[in-house]
Amino acid sequence: MKKTGVKQAGGNLLVFRGSSFQRGYGLGSFFKSLARSAIPFIQQGAKTIGRAILHTAAGANIANDVASGKNVRDSLNNQLKQTVSNMVKGGNQSGSGKRQPIAGFHVTS
């Protein structure tokens, strides 16, 4: 190994001095940036699913399952799957899908 470094004041000892900067490229950096951008979407999805479970009959179904002696984890899993499948089917969506024109703005073709 090559001795690199700077002599310290007061002696003739060499001290290792690493790279002046690190670039941060590589596979880990890619996954880190991917996670940073995906975390807000995951959090929003979890909040939406949680609200759907609390505001629909799923919360009552979980309570009924637990009261009848079923496992809490199994009941949560079943209701979570059912709630997500209902959300994917678009049970809570409304609207025609057409954009409304902006008031006072007219486009001539």
PDB file of N, CA and C in Angstrom:
ATOM      1  N   MET A   1       0.839  -1.174   0.000  1.00  0.00           N
ATOM      2  CA  MET A   1       0.000   0.000   0.000  1.00  0.00           C
ATOM      3  C   MET A   1       0.880   1.232   0.000  1.00  0.00           C
ATOM      4  N   LYS A   2       0.503   2.154  -0.810  1.00  0.00           N
ATOM      5  CA  LYS A   2       1.276   3.375  -0.957  1.00  0.00           C
ATOM      6  C   LYS A   2       0.965   4.328   0.194  1.00  0.00           C
ATOM      7  N   LYS A   3       1.994   4.913   0.771  1.00  0.00           N
ATOM      8  CA  LYS A   3       1.787   5.861   1.862  1.00  0.00           C
ATOM      9  C   LYS A   3       1.404   7.211   1.265  1.00  0.00           C
ATOM     10  N   THR A   4       0.175   7.592   1.528  1.00  0.00           N
ATOM     11  CA  THR A   4      -0.275   8.903   1.078  1.00  0.00           C
ATOM     12  C   THR A   4      -0.776   9.659   2.276  1.00  0.00           C
ATOM     13  N   GLY A   5      -0.686  10.910   2.250  1.00  0.00           N
ATOM     14  CA  GLY A   5      -1.189  11.681   3.356  1.00  0.00           C
ATOM     15  C   GLY A   5      -0.442  12.966   3.534  1.00  0.00           C
ATOM     16  N   VAL A   6      -0.668  13.572   4.661  1.00  0.00           N
ATOM     17  CA  VAL A   6      -0.079  14.860   4.982  1.00  0.00           C
ATOM     18  C   VAL A   6       0.658  14.701   6.291  1.00  0.00           C
ATOM     19  N   LYS A   7       1.816  15.299   6.377  1.00  0.00           N
ATOM     20  CA  LYS A   7       2.547  15.261   7.649  1.00  0.00           C
ATOM     21  C   LYS A   7       1.860  16.184   8.639  1.00  0.00           C
ATOM     22  N   GLN A   8       1.676  15.679   9.842  1.00  0.00           N
ATOM     23  CA  GLN A   8       1.067  16.497  10.874  1.00  0.00           C
ATOM     24  C   GLN A   8       2.124  17.393  11.486  1.00  0.00           C
ATOM     25  N   ALA A   9       1.649  18.506  11.996  1.00  0.00           N
ATOM     26  CA  ALA A   9       2.569  19.422  12.659  1.00  0.00           C
ATOM     27  C   ALA A   9       3.087  18.764  13.929  1.00  0.00           C
ATOM     28  N   GLY A  10       4.361  18.865  14.161  1.00  0.00           N
ATOM     29  CA  GLY A  10       4.940  18.343  15.386  1.00  0.00           C
ATOM     30  C   GLY A  10       5.533  16.968  15.243  1.00  0.00           C
ATOM     31  N   GLY A  11       5.552  16.403  14.064  1.00  0.00           N
ATOM     32  CA  GLY A  11       6.123  15.082  13.939  1.00  0.00           C
ATOM     33  C   GLY A  11       6.269  14.671  12.488  1.00  0.00           C
ATOM     34  N   ASN A  12       6.802  13.485  12.296  1.00  0.00           N
ATOM     35  CA  ASN A  12       7.011  12.980  10.962  1.00  0.00           C
ATOM     36  C   ASN A  12       6.035  11.855  10.609  1.00  0.00           C
ATOM     37  N   LEU A  13       4.878  11.786  11.298  1.00  0.00           N
ATOM     38  CA  LEU A  13       3.907  10.736  11.054  1.00  0.00           C
ATOM     39  C   LEU A  13       3.017  11.090   9.866  1.00  0.00           C
ATOM     40  N   LEU A  14       2.818  10.113   9.019  1.00  0.00           N
ATOM     41  CA  LEU A  14       1.885  10.302   7.916  1.00  0.00           C
ATOM     42  C   LEU A  14       0.493   9.857   8.360  1.00  0.00           C
ATOM     43  N   VAL A  15      -0.505  10.609   8.014  1.00  0.00           N
ATOM     44  CA  VAL A  15      -1.878  10.313   8.364  1.00  0.00           C
ATOM     45  C   VAL A  15      -2.654  10.109   7.059  1.00  0.00           C
ATOM     46  N   PHE A  16      -3.485   9.050   7.021  1.00  0.00           N
ATOM     47  CA  PHE A  16      -4.252   8.776   5.808  1.00  0.00           C
ATOM     48  C   PHE A  16      -5.229   9.900   5.527  1.00  0.00           C
ATOM     49  N   ARG A  17      -5.285  10.303   4.292  1.00  0.00           N
ATOM     50  CA  ARG A  17      -6.217  11.337   3.858  1.00  0.00           C
ATOM     51  C   ARG A  17      -6.985  10.777   2.667  1.00  0.00           C
ATOM     52  N   GLY A  18      -8.295  10.593   2.832  1.00  0.00           N
ATOM     53  CA  GLY A  18      -9.112   9.990   1.791  1.00  0.00           C
ATOM     54  C   GLY A  18      -9.435  10.955   0.673  1.00  0.00           C
ATOM     55  N   SER A  19     -10.343  10.536  -0.167  1.00  0.00           N
ATOM     56  CA  SER A  19     -10.767  11.359  -1.290  1.00  0.00           C
ATOM     57  C   SER A  19     -11.391  12.646  -0.783  1.00  0.00           C
ATOM     58  N   SER A  20     -11.188  13.725  -1.526  1.00  0.00           N
ATOM     59  CA  SER A  20     -11.699  15.019  -1.082  1.00  0.00           C
ATOM     60  C   SER A  20     -13.222  15.104  -1.225  1.00  0.00           C
ATOM     61  N   PHE A  21     -13.803  14.303  -2.102  1.00  0.00           N
ATOM     62  CA  PHE A  21     -15.254  14.260  -2.233  1.00  0.00           C
ATOM     63  C   PHE A  21     -15.672  12.881  -2.725  1.00  0.00           C
ATOM     64  N   GLN A  22     -16.902  12.521  -2.424  1.00  0.00           N
ATOM     65  CA  GLN A  22     -17.437  11.255  -2.899  1.00  0.00           C
ATOM     66  C   GLN A  22     -18.556  11.558  -3.881  1.00  0.00           C
ATOM     67  N   ARG A  23     -18.594  10.833  -4.978  1.00  0.00           N
ATOM     68  CA  ARG A  23     -19.529  11.158  -6.042  1.00  0.00           C
ATOM     69  C   ARG A  23     -20.935  10.655  -5.759  1.00  0.00           C
ATOM     70  N   GLY A  24     -21.102   9.525  -5.154  1.00  0.00           N
ATOM     71  CA  GLY A  24     -22.426   9.017  -4.828  1.00  0.00           C
ATOM     72  C   GLY A  24     -23.133   8.347  -5.981  1.00  0.00           C
ATOM     73  N   TYR A  25     -22.420   7.920  -6.993  1.00  0.00           N
ATOM     74  CA  TYR A  25     -23.036   7.196  -8.087  1.00  0.00           C
ATOM     75  C   TYR A  25     -23.182   5.736  -7.699  1.00  0.00           C
ATOM     76  N   GLY A  26     -23.905   5.012  -8.479  1.00  0.00           N
ATOM     77  CA  GLY A  26     -23.992   3.582  -8.266  1.00  0.00           C
ATOM     78  C   GLY A  26     -25.408   3.106  -8.066  1.00  0.00           C
ATOM     79  N   LEU A  27     -25.525   1.818  -7.853  1.00  0.00           N
ATOM     80  CA  LEU A  27     -26.833   1.185  -7.729  1.00  0.00           C
ATOM     81  C   LEU A  27     -27.561   1.639  -6.470  1.00  0.00           C
ATOM     82  N   GLY A  28     -26.833   1.793  -5.374  1.00  0.00           N
ATOM     83  CA  GLY A  28     -27.459   2.237  -4.134  1.00  0.00           C
ATOM     84  C   GLY A  28     -28.046   3.629  -4.253  1.00  0.00           C
ATOM     85  N   SER A  29     -27.347   4.505  -4.971  1.00  0.00           N
ATOM     86  CA  SER A  29     -27.842   5.855  -5.179  1.00  0.00           C
ATOM     87  C   SER A  29     -29.120   5.832  -6.008  1.00  0.00           C
ATOM     88  N   PHE A  30     -29.176   4.957  -6.993  1.00  0.00           N
ATOM     89  CA  PHE A  30     -30.377   4.828  -7.824  1.00  0.00           C
ATOM     90  C   PHE A  30     -31.576   4.405  -6.987  1.00  0.00           C
ATOM     91  N   PHE A  31     -31.392   3.372  -6.150  1.00  0.00           N
ATOM     92  CA  PHE A  31     -32.504   2.893  -5.332  1.00  0.00           C
ATOM     93  C   PHE A  31     -32.905   3.921  -4.277  1.00  0.00           C
ATOM     94  N   LYS A  32     -31.939   4.680  -3.777  1.00  0.00           N
ATOM     95  CA  LYS A  32     -32.241   5.703  -2.786  1.00  0.00           C
ATOM     96  C   LYS A  32     -33.117   6.791  -3.401  1.00  0.00           C
ATOM     97  N   SER A  33     -32.762   7.242  -4.601  1.00  0.00           N
ATOM     98  CA  SER A  33     -33.568   8.272  -5.246  1.00  0.00           C
ATOM     99  C   SER A  33     -34.940   7.726  -5.628  1.00  0.00           C
ATOM    100  N   LEU A  34     -34.997   6.475  -6.021  1.00  0.00           N
ATOM    101  CA  LEU A  34     -36.275   5.851  -6.349  1.00  0.00           C
ATOM    102  C   LEU A  34     -37.168   5.778  -5.111  1.00  0.00           C
ATOM    103  N   ALA A  35     -36.587   5.402  -3.983  1.00  0.00           N
ATOM    104  CA  ALA A  35     -37.353   5.322  -2.740  1.00  0.00           C
ATOM    105  C   ALA A  35     -37.831   6.698  -2.300  1.00  0.00           C
ATOM    106  N   ARG A  36     -36.980   7.707  -2.469  1.00  0.00           N
ATOM    107  CA  ARG A  36     -37.378   9.064  -2.081  1.00  0.00           C
ATOM    108  C   ARG A  36     -38.587   9.545  -2.868  1.00  0.00           C
ATOM    109  N   SER A  37     -38.634   9.191  -4.138  1.00  0.00           N
ATOM    110  CA  SER A  37     -39.764   9.641  -4.944  1.00  0.00           C
ATOM    111  C   SER A  37     -40.990   8.756  -4.744  1.00  0.00           C
ATOM    112  N   ALA A  38     -40.819   7.515  -4.341  1.00  0.00           N
ATOM    113  CA  ALA A  38     -41.952   6.595  -4.196  1.00  0.00           C
ATOM    114  C   ALA A  38     -42.610   6.694  -2.821  1.00  0.00           C
ATOM    115  N   ILE A  39     -41.878   7.093  -1.805  1.00  0.00           N
ATOM    116  CA  ILE A  39     -42.418   7.108  -0.445  1.00  0.00           C
ATOM    117  C   ILE A  39     -43.654   7.988  -0.312  1.00  0.00           C
ATOM    118  N   PRO A  40     -43.701   9.204  -0.874  1.00  0.00           N
ATOM    119  CA  PRO A  40     -44.941   9.989  -0.742  1.00  0.00           C
ATOM    120  C   PRO A  40     -46.158   9.309  -1.362  1.00  0.00           C
ATOM    121  N   PHE A  41     -45.978   8.626  -2.496  1.00  0.00           N
ATOM    122  CA  PHE A  41     -47.098   7.915  -3.114  1.00  0.00           C
ATOM    123  C   PHE A  41     -47.555   6.753  -2.251  1.00  0.00           C
ATOM    124  N   ILE A  42     -46.615   6.044  -1.674  1.00  0.00           N
ATOM    125  CA  ILE A  42     -46.958   4.913  -0.809  1.00  0.00           C
ATOM    126  C   ILE A  42     -47.689   5.397   0.435  1.00  0.00           C
ATOM    127  N   GLN A  43     -47.203   6.513   1.023  1.00  0.00           N
ATOM    128  CA  GLN A  43     -47.858   7.050   2.210  1.00  0.00           C
ATOM    129  C   GLN A  43     -49.280   7.507   1.896  1.00  0.00           C
ATOM    130  N   GLN A  44     -49.463   8.185   0.765  1.00  0.00           N
ATOM    131  CA  GLN A  44     -50.799   8.647   0.406  1.00  0.00           C
ATOM    132  C   GLN A  44     -51.731   7.468   0.154  1.00  0.00           C
ATOM    133  N   GLY A  45     -51.221   6.426  -0.491  1.00  0.00           N
ATOM    134  CA  GLY A  45     -52.039   5.234  -0.727  1.00  0.00           C
ATOM    135  C   GLY A  45     -52.435   4.558   0.571  1.00  0.00           C
ATOM    136  N   ALA A  46     -51.499   4.490   1.518  1.00  0.00           N
ATOM    137  CA  ALA A  46     -51.803   3.871   2.809  1.00  0.00           C
ATOM    138  C   ALA A  46     -52.851   4.684   3.567  1.00  0.00           C
ATOM    139  N   LYS A  47     -52.750   6.018   3.491  1.00  0.00           N
ATOM    140  CA  LYS A  47     -53.742   6.866   4.160  1.00  0.00           C
ATOM    141  C   LYS A  47     -55.120   6.669   3.542  1.00  0.00           C
ATOM    142  N   THR A  48     -55.171   6.593   2.223  1.00  0.00           N
ATOM    143  CA  THR A  48     -56.450   6.428   1.534  1.00  0.00           C
ATOM    144  C   THR A  48     -57.096   5.099   1.887  1.00  0.00           C
ATOM    145  N   ILE A  49     -56.296   4.047   1.893  1.00  0.00           N
ATOM    146  CA  ILE A  49     -56.823   2.724   2.243  1.00  0.00           C
ATOM    147  C   ILE A  49     -57.268   2.704   3.702  1.00  0.00           C
ATOM    148  N   GLY A  50     -56.496   3.318   4.582  1.00  0.00           N
ATOM    149  CA  GLY A  50     -56.862   3.368   5.996  1.00  0.00           C
ATOM    150  C   GLY A  50     -58.173   4.104   6.216  1.00  0.00           C
ATOM    151  N   ARG A  51     -58.337   5.242   5.523  1.00  0.00           N
ATOM    152  CA  ARG A  51     -59.596   5.988   5.642  1.00  0.00           C
ATOM    153  C   ARG A  51     -60.767   5.170   5.103  1.00  0.00           C
ATOM    154  N   ALA A  52     -60.533   4.471   3.996  1.00  0.00           N
ATOM    155  CA  ALA A  52     -61.607   3.660   3.413  1.00  0.00           C
ATOM    156  C   ALA A  52     -62.032   2.560   4.368  1.00  0.00           C
ATOM    157  N   ILE A  53     -61.063   1.967   5.051  1.00  0.00           N
ATOM    158  CA  ILE A  53     -61.400   0.910   6.010  1.00  0.00           C
ATOM    159  C   ILE A  53     -62.185   1.477   7.186  1.00  0.00           C
ATOM    160  N   LEU A  54     -61.783   2.656   7.662  1.00  0.00           N
ATOM    161  CA  LEU A  54     -62.461   3.241   8.819  1.00  0.00           C
ATOM    162  C   LEU A  54     -63.853   3.764   8.486  1.00  0.00           C
ATOM    163  N   HIS A  55     -64.042   4.305   7.279  1.00  0.00           N
ATOM    164  CA  HIS A  55     -65.308   4.954   6.949  1.00  0.00           C
ATOM    165  C   HIS A  55     -66.303   4.040   6.238  1.00  0.00           C
ATOM    166  N   THR A  56     -65.941   2.817   5.995  1.00  0.00           N
ATOM    167  CA  THR A  56     -66.876   1.891   5.355  1.00  0.00           C
ATOM    168  C   THR A  56     -67.237   0.789   6.351  1.00  0.00           C
ATOM    169  N   ALA A  57     -67.935  -0.186   5.849  1.00  0.00           N
ATOM    170  CA  ALA A  57     -68.367  -1.294   6.706  1.00  0.00           C
ATOM    171  C   ALA A  57     -67.208  -2.206   7.066  1.00  0.00           C
ATOM    172  N   ALA A  58     -66.020  -1.996   6.467  1.00  0.00           N
ATOM    173  CA  ALA A  58     -64.889  -2.873   6.746  1.00  0.00           C
ATOM    174  C   ALA A  58     -64.485  -2.800   8.212  1.00  0.00           C
ATOM    175  N   GLY A  59     -64.509  -1.610   8.791  1.00  0.00           N
ATOM    176  CA  GLY A  59     -64.174  -1.472  10.207  1.00  0.00           C
ATOM    177  C   GLY A  59     -65.145  -2.230  11.095  1.00  0.00           C
ATOM    178  N   ALA A  60     -66.421  -2.154  10.766  1.00  0.00           N
ATOM    179  CA  ALA A  60     -67.436  -2.886  11.539  1.00  0.00           C
ATOM    180  C   ALA A  60     -67.278  -4.385  11.334  1.00  0.00           C
ATOM    181  N   ASN A  61     -66.930  -4.796  10.113  1.00  0.00           N
ATOM    182  CA  ASN A  61     -66.735  -6.225   9.853  1.00  0.00           C
ATOM    183  C   ASN A  61     -65.558  -6.776  10.648  1.00  0.00           C
ATOM    184  N   ILE A  62     -64.493  -5.996  10.749  1.00  0.00           N
ATOM    185  CA  ILE A  62     -63.333  -6.425  11.543  1.00  0.00           C
ATOM    186  C   ILE A  62     -63.737  -6.585  13.003  1.00  0.00           C
ATOM    187  N   ALA A  63     -64.477  -5.598  13.513  1.00  0.00           N
ATOM    188  CA  ALA A  63     -64.921  -5.684  14.918  1.00  0.00           C
ATOM    189  C   ALA A  63     -65.825  -6.897  15.137  1.00  0.00           C
ATOM    190  N   ASN A  64     -66.707  -7.168  14.196  1.00  0.00           N
ATOM    191  CA  ASN A  64     -67.592  -8.335  14.322  1.00  0.00           C
ATOM    192  C   ASN A  64     -66.799  -9.636  14.276  1.00  0.00           C
ATOM    193  N   ASP A  65     -65.793  -9.705  13.381  1.00  0.00           N
ATOM    194  CA  ASP A  65     -64.963 -10.911  13.301  1.00  0.00           C
ATOM    195  C   ASP A  65     -64.212 -11.161  14.596  1.00  0.00           C
ATOM    196  N   VAL A  66     -63.666 -10.093  15.174  1.00  0.00           N
ATOM    197  CA  VAL A  66     -62.911 -10.236  16.425  1.00  0.00           C
ATOM    198  C   VAL A  66     -63.860 -10.643  17.560  1.00  0.00           C
ATOM    199  N   ALA A  67     -65.047 -10.062  17.578  1.00  0.00           N
ATOM    200  CA  ALA A  67     -66.013 -10.396  18.630  1.00  0.00           C
ATOM    201  C   ALA A  67     -66.477 -11.847  18.519  1.00  0.00           C
ATOM    202  N   SER A  68     -66.508 -12.370  17.280  1.00  0.00           N
ATOM    203  CA  SER A  68     -66.935 -13.757  17.119  1.00  0.00           C
ATOM    204  C   SER A  68     -65.788 -14.750  17.324  1.00  0.00           C
ATOM    205  N   GLY A  69     -64.590 -14.249  17.629  1.00  0.00           N
ATOM    206  CA  GLY A  69     -63.483 -15.124  17.979  1.00  0.00           C
ATOM    207  C   GLY A  69     -62.483 -15.389  16.873  1.00  0.00           C
ATOM    208  N   LYS A  70     -62.593 -14.706  15.740  1.00  0.00           N
ATOM    209  CA  LYS A  70     -61.628 -14.894  14.656  1.00  0.00           C
ATOM    210  C   LYS A  70     -60.336 -14.141  14.959  1.00  0.00           C
ATOM    211  N   ASN A  71     -59.290 -14.542  14.292  1.00  0.00           N
ATOM    212  CA  ASN A  71     -57.983 -13.921  14.467  1.00  0.00           C
ATOM    213  C   ASN A  71     -58.014 -12.504  13.893  1.00  0.00           C
ATOM    214  N   VAL A  72     -57.425 -11.550  14.620  1.00  0.00           N
ATOM    215  CA  VAL A  72     -57.425 -10.156  14.202  1.00  0.00           C
ATOM    216  C   VAL A  72     -56.649  -9.986  12.891  1.00  0.00           C
ATOM    217  N   ARG A  73     -55.499 -10.619  12.791  1.00  0.00           N
ATOM    218  CA  ARG A  73     -54.656 -10.478  11.604  1.00  0.00           C
ATOM    219  C   ARG A  73     -55.366 -11.019  10.358  1.00  0.00           C
ATOM    220  N   ASP A  74     -56.010 -12.177  10.495  1.00  0.00           N
ATOM    221  CA  ASP A  74     -56.731 -12.753   9.352  1.00  0.00           C
ATOM    222  C   ASP A  74     -57.894 -11.858   8.927  1.00  0.00           C
ATOM    223  N   SER A  75     -58.617 -11.320   9.904  1.00  0.00           N
ATOM    224  CA  SER A  75     -59.731 -10.440   9.600  1.00  0.00           C
ATOM    225  C   SER A  75     -59.249  -9.168   8.916  1.00  0.00           C
ATOM    226  N   LEU A  76     -58.153  -8.584   9.412  1.00  0.00           N
ATOM    227  CA  LEU A  76     -57.587  -7.386   8.785  1.00  0.00           C
ATOM    228  C   LEU A  76     -57.156  -7.673   7.350  1.00  0.00           C
ATOM    229  N   ASN A  77     -56.481  -8.794   7.133  1.00  0.00           N
ATOM    230  CA  ASN A  77     -56.029  -9.145   5.789  1.00  0.00           C
ATOM    231  C   ASN A  77     -57.205  -9.304   4.824  1.00  0.00           C
ATOM    232  N   ASN A  78     -58.246 -10.005   5.272  1.00  0.00           N
ATOM    233  CA  ASN A  78     -59.408 -10.216   4.416  1.00  0.00           C
ATOM    234  C   ASN A  78     -60.095  -8.904   4.067  1.00  0.00           C
ATOM    235  N   GLN A  79     -60.295  -8.046   5.077  1.00  0.00           N
ATOM    236  CA  GLN A  79     -60.971  -6.773   4.831  1.00  0.00           C
ATOM    237  C   GLN A  79     -60.107  -5.829   4.000  1.00  0.00           C
ATOM    238  N   LEU A  80     -58.799  -5.885   4.189  1.00  0.00           N
ATOM    239  CA  LEU A  80     -57.887  -5.053   3.403  1.00  0.00           C
ATOM    240  C   LEU A  80     -57.939  -5.447   1.932  1.00  0.00           C
ATOM    241  N   LYS A  81     -57.901  -6.746   1.659  1.00  0.00           N
ATOM    242  CA  LYS A  81     -57.994  -7.217   0.274  1.00  0.00           C
ATOM    243  C   LYS A  81     -59.312  -6.801  -0.358  1.00  0.00           C
ATOM    244  N   GLN A  82     -60.392  -6.943   0.392  1.00  0.00           N
ATOM    245  CA  GLN A  82     -61.706  -6.590  -0.130  1.00  0.00           C
ATOM    246  C   GLN A  82     -61.802  -5.086  -0.382  1.00  0.00           C
ATOM    247  N   THR A  83     -61.278  -4.259   0.524  1.00  0.00           N
ATOM    248  CA  THR A  83     -61.333  -2.812   0.366  1.00  0.00           C
ATOM    249  C   THR A  83     -60.507  -2.355  -0.822  1.00  0.00           C
ATOM    250  N   VAL A  84     -59.320  -2.914  -0.978  1.00  0.00           N
ATOM    251  CA  VAL A  84     -58.465  -2.537  -2.105  1.00  0.00           C
ATOM    252  C   VAL A  84     -59.112  -2.947  -3.424  1.00  0.00           C
ATOM    253  N   SER A  85     -59.696  -4.131  -3.475  1.00  0.00           N
ATOM    254  CA  SER A  85     -60.352  -4.560  -4.723  1.00  0.00           C
ATOM    255  C   SER A  85     -61.547  -3.665  -5.044  1.00  0.00           C
ATOM    256  N   ASN A  86     -62.278  -3.212  -4.030  1.00  0.00           N
ATOM    257  CA  ASN A  86     -63.383  -2.285  -4.268  1.00  0.00           C
ATOM    258  C   ASN A  86     -62.879  -0.933  -4.769  1.00  0.00           C
ATOM    259  N   MET A  87     -61.738  -0.487  -4.239  1.00  0.00           N
ATOM    260  CA  MET A  87     -61.174   0.795  -4.663  1.00  0.00           C
ATOM    261  C   MET A  87     -60.649   0.698  -6.095  1.00  0.00           C
ATOM    262  N   VAL A  88     -60.062  -0.413  -6.452  1.00  0.00           N
ATOM    263  CA  VAL A  88     -59.535  -0.586  -7.798  1.00  0.00           C
ATOM    264  C   VAL A  88     -60.670  -0.606  -8.814  1.00  0.00           C
ATOM    265  N   LYS A  89     -61.786  -1.200  -8.439  1.00  0.00           N
ATOM    266  CA  LYS A  89     -62.939  -1.241  -9.333  1.00  0.00           C
ATOM    267  C   LYS A  89     -63.543   0.146  -9.534  1.00  0.00           C
ATOM    268  N   GLY A  90     -63.176   1.099  -8.681  1.00  0.00           N
ATOM    269  CA  GLY A  90     -63.664   2.466  -8.837  1.00  0.00           C
ATOM    270  C   GLY A  90     -64.991   2.713  -8.178  1.00  0.00           C
ATOM    271  N   GLY A  91     -65.236   2.097  -7.062  1.00  0.00           N
ATOM    272  CA  GLY A  91     -66.502   2.263  -6.376  1.00  0.00           C
ATOM    273  C   GLY A  91     -66.763   3.670  -5.880  1.00  0.00           C
ATOM    274  N   ASN A  92     -65.735   4.438  -5.561  1.00  0.00           N
ATOM    275  CA  ASN A  92     -65.927   5.771  -4.991  1.00  0.00           C
ATOM    276  C   ASN A  92     -65.684   6.884  -6.005  1.00  0.00           C
ATOM    277  N   GLN A  93     -65.483   6.567  -7.266  1.00  0.00           N
ATOM    278  CA  GLN A  93     -65.191   7.602  -8.246  1.00  0.00           C
ATOM    279  C   GLN A  93     -66.482   8.137  -8.835  1.00  0.00           C
ATOM    280  N   SER A  94     -66.440   9.420  -9.191  1.00  0.00           N
ATOM    281  CA  SER A  94     -67.601  10.025  -9.815  1.00  0.00           C
ATOM    282  C   SER A  94     -67.120  11.040 -10.842  1.00  0.00           C
ATOM    283  N   GLY A  95     -68.020  11.470 -11.703  1.00  0.00           N
ATOM    284  CA  GLY A  95     -67.683  12.464 -12.715  1.00  0.00           C
ATOM    285  C   GLY A  95     -67.738  11.859 -14.100  1.00  0.00           C
ATOM    286  N   SER A  96     -67.794  12.754 -15.094  1.00  0.00           N
ATOM    287  CA  SER A  96     -67.924  12.295 -16.467  1.00  0.00           C
ATOM    288  C   SER A  96     -66.579  12.126 -17.150  1.00  0.00           C
ATOM    289  N   GLY A  97     -65.539  12.702 -16.593  1.00  0.00           N
ATOM    290  CA  GLY A  97     -64.228  12.599 -17.199  1.00  0.00           C
ATOM    291  C   GLY A  97     -63.943  13.709 -18.196  1.00  0.00           C
ATOM    292  N   LYS A  98     -64.902  14.609 -18.433  1.00  0.00           N
ATOM    293  CA  LYS A  98     -64.700  15.715 -19.356  1.00  0.00           C
ATOM    294  C   LYS A  98     -64.266  16.947 -18.567  1.00  0.00           C
ATOM    295  N   ARG A  99     -63.307  17.673 -19.116  1.00  0.00           N
ATOM    296  CA  ARG A  99     -62.842  18.890 -18.456  1.00  0.00           C
ATOM    297  C   ARG A  99     -63.832  20.014 -18.685  1.00  0.00           C
ATOM    298  N   GLN A 100     -64.010  20.819 -17.678  1.00  0.00           N
ATOM    299  CA  GLN A 100     -64.871  21.984 -17.794  1.00  0.00           C
ATOM    300  C   GLN A 100     -64.089  23.126 -18.428  1.00  0.00           C
ATOM    301  N   PRO A 101     -64.735  23.921 -19.285  1.00  0.00           N
ATOM    302  CA  PRO A 101     -64.019  25.058 -19.879  1.00  0.00           C
ATOM    303  C   PRO A 101     -63.725  26.115 -18.829  1.00  0.00           C
ATOM    304  N   ILE A 102     -62.630  26.830 -19.042  1.00  0.00           N
ATOM    305  CA  ILE A 102     -62.252  27.896 -18.117  1.00  0.00           C
ATOM    306  C   ILE A 102     -63.139  29.101 -18.396  1.00  0.00           C
ATOM    307  N   ALA A 103     -63.712  29.674 -17.332  1.00  0.00           N
ATOM    308  CA  ALA A 103     -64.628  30.799 -17.490  1.00  0.00           C
ATOM    309  C   ALA A 103     -63.880  32.003 -18.066  1.00  0.00           C
ATOM    310  N   GLY A 104     -64.470  32.643 -19.078  1.00  0.00           N
ATOM    311  CA  GLY A 104     -63.872  33.827 -19.680  1.00  0.00           C
ATOM    312  C   GLY A 104     -62.781  33.531 -20.687  1.00  0.00           C
ATOM    313  N   PHE A 105     -62.539  32.281 -20.987  1.00  0.00           N
ATOM    314  CA  PHE A 105     -61.486  31.922 -21.935  1.00  0.00           C
ATOM    315  C   PHE A 105     -62.097  31.089 -23.038  1.00  0.00           C
ATOM    316  N   HIS A 106     -61.997  31.574 -24.271  1.00  0.00           N
ATOM    317  CA  HIS A 106     -62.607  30.883 -25.387  1.00  0.00           C
ATOM    318  C   HIS A 106     -61.541  30.551 -26.422  1.00  0.00           C
ATOM    319  N   VAL A 107     -61.465  29.313 -26.828  1.00  0.00           N
ATOM    320  CA  VAL A 107     -60.495  28.881 -27.824  1.00  0.00           C
ATOM    321  C   VAL A 107     -61.215  28.752 -29.152  1.00  0.00           C
ATOM    322  N   THR A 108     -60.697  29.429 -30.151  1.00  0.00           N
ATOM    323  CA  THR A 108     -61.273  29.291 -31.479  1.00  0.00           C
ATOM    324  C   THR A 108     -60.427  28.343 -32.294  1.00  0.00           C
ATOM    325  N   SER A 109     -61.076  27.432 -33.006  1.00  0.00           N
ATOM    326  CA  SER A 109     -60.308  26.485 -33.789  1.00  0.00           C
ATOM    327  C   SER A 109     -60.287  26.856 -35.235  1.00  0.00           C
TER     328      SER A 109
END
